[in-house]
C-alpha atoms as a PDB file:
ATOM      1  CA  UNK A   1      12.558-148.359  -8.171  1.00  0.00           C
ATOM      2  CA  UNK A   2      11.760-145.783  -5.495  1.00  0.00           C
ATOM      3  CA  UNK A   3      10.392-148.432  -3.122  1.00  0.00           C
ATOM      4  CA  UNK A   4      13.618-150.418  -3.394  1.00  0.00           C
ATOM      5  CA  UNK A   5      15.686-147.409  -2.302  1.00  0.00           C
ATOM      6  CA  UNK A   6      13.383-146.761   0.644  1.00  0.00           C
ATOM      7  CA  UNK A   7      13.561-150.411   1.701  1.00  0.00           C
ATOM      8  CA  UNK A   8      17.355-150.357   1.481  1.00  0.00           C
ATOM      9  CA  UNK A   9      17.471-147.096   3.419  1.00  0.00           C
ATOM     10  CA  UNK A  10      15.414-148.708   6.187  1.00  0.00           C
ATOM     11  CA  UNK A  11      17.690-151.743   6.191  1.00  0.00           C
ATOM     12  CA  UNK A  12      20.775-149.549   6.591  1.00  0.00           C
ATOM     13  CA  UNK A  13      19.312-147.760   9.589  1.00  0.00           C
ATOM     14  CA  UNK A  14      18.383-151.142  11.104  1.00  0.00           C
ATOM     15  CA  UNK A  15      21.986-152.307  10.713  1.00  0.00           C
ATOM     16  CA  UNK A  16      23.273-149.065  12.181  1.00  0.00           C
ATOM     17  CA  UNK A  17      20.899-149.420  15.129  1.00  0.00           C
ATOM     18  CA  UNK A  18      22.386-152.791  16.062  1.00  0.00           C
ATOM     19  CA  UNK A  19      25.999-151.888  15.251  1.00  0.00           C
ATOM     20  CA  UNK A  20      28.103-152.570  18.330  1.00  0.00           C
ATOM     21  CA  UNK A  21      31.503-151.961  16.795  1.00  0.00           C
ATOM     22  CA  UNK A  22      31.868-148.567  18.490  1.00  0.00           C
ATOM     23  CA  UNK A  23      30.853-150.094  21.799  1.00  0.00           C
ATOM     24  CA  UNK A  24      33.583-152.729  21.636  1.00  0.00           C
ATOM     25  CA  UNK A  25      36.101-150.096  20.589  1.00  0.00           C
ATOM     26  CA  UNK A  26      35.193-148.098  23.707  1.00  0.00           C
ATOM     27  CA  UNK A  27      35.699-151.175  25.912  1.00  0.00           C
ATOM     28  CA  UNK A  28      39.134-151.639  24.363  1.00  0.00           C
ATOM     29  CA  UNK A  29      39.993-147.975  24.995  1.00  0.00           C
ATOM     30  CA  UNK A  30      38.862-148.103  28.618  1.00  0.00           C
ATOM     31  CA  UNK A  31      40.976-151.126  29.498  1.00  0.00           C
ATOM     32  CA  UNK A  32      44.214-150.027  27.854  1.00  0.00           C
ATOM     33  CA  UNK A  33      46.282-146.956  28.562  1.00  0.00           C
ATOM     34  CA  UNK A  34      46.828-144.334  25.886  1.00  0.00           C
ATOM     35  CA  UNK A  35      50.496-143.299  25.891  1.00  0.00           C
ATOM     36  CA  UNK A  36      49.785-140.101  23.922  1.00  0.00           C
ATOM     37  CA  UNK A  37      47.225-138.635  26.320  1.00  0.00           C
ATOM     38  CA  UNK A  38      47.990-135.955  28.869  1.00  0.00           C
ATOM     39  CA  UNK A  39      47.513-136.633  32.567  1.00  0.00           C
ATOM     40  CA  UNK A  40      43.962-135.666  33.455  1.00  0.00           C
ATOM     41  CA  UNK A  41      42.670-136.817  36.836  1.00  0.00           C
ATOM     42  CA  UNK A  42      39.013-136.406  35.849  1.00  0.00           C
ATOM     43  CA  UNK A  43      39.391-138.583  32.773  1.00  0.00           C
ATOM     44  CA  UNK A  44      41.334-141.222  34.717  1.00  0.00           C
ATOM     45  CA  UNK A  45      38.657-141.342  37.415  1.00  0.00           C
ATOM     46  CA  UNK A  46      35.898-141.631  34.813  1.00  0.00           C
ATOM     47  CA  UNK A  47      37.651-144.525  33.083  1.00  0.00           C
ATOM     48  CA  UNK A  48      38.311-146.168  36.449  1.00  0.00           C
ATOM     49  CA  UNK A  49      34.641-146.017  37.388  1.00  0.00           C
ATOM     50  CA  UNK A  50      33.707-147.337  33.935  1.00  0.00           C
ATOM     51  CA  UNK A  51      36.104-150.267  34.375  1.00  0.00           C
ATOM     52  CA  UNK A  52      34.555-151.121  37.727  1.00  0.00           C
ATOM     53  CA  UNK A  53      31.010-150.918  36.368  1.00  0.00           C
ATOM     54  CA  UNK A  54      31.835-153.055  33.305  1.00  0.00           C
ATOM     55  CA  UNK A  55      33.452-155.747  35.454  1.00  0.00           C
ATOM     56  CA  UNK A  56      30.563-155.695  37.942  1.00  0.00           C
ATOM     57  CA  UNK A  57      28.048-155.985  35.109  1.00  0.00           C
ATOM     58  CA  UNK A  58      29.863-158.966  33.596  1.00  0.00           C
ATOM     59  CA  UNK A  59      30.052-160.691  36.997  1.00  0.00           C
ATOM     60  CA  UNK A  60      26.342-160.087  37.626  1.00  0.00           C
ATOM     61  CA  UNK A  61      25.451-161.317  34.129  1.00  0.00           C
ATOM     62  CA  UNK A  62      27.506-164.469  34.664  1.00  0.00           C
ATOM     63  CA  UNK A  63      25.862-165.165  38.028  1.00  0.00           C
ATOM     64  CA  UNK A  64      22.405-164.564  36.550  1.00  0.00           C
ATOM     65  CA  UNK A  65      23.048-166.924  33.636  1.00  0.00           C
ATOM     66  CA  UNK A  66      24.420-169.619  35.955  1.00  0.00           C
ATOM     67  CA  UNK A  67      21.372-169.331  38.230  1.00  0.00           C
ATOM     68  CA  UNK A  68      19.028-169.630  35.244  1.00  0.00           C
ATOM     69  CA  UNK A  69      20.804-172.735  33.956  1.00  0.00           C
ATOM     70  CA  UNK A  70      21.034-174.514  37.323  1.00  0.00           C
END
């Protein structure tokens, strides 16, 4: 009985380790404007830099995959 709980506990942490739901939620937050937020130049600059880096990463990943296939 005790071993089963430990195995399930390990399985839960494994699922939590590979959970990407929060990551996709962050991507959605970065690319859409929040109408309730106050104007904060630092936050806007941070999100702008994050947008640029996400787009650059996706472009580089696409080019890399295309080069590997061809």
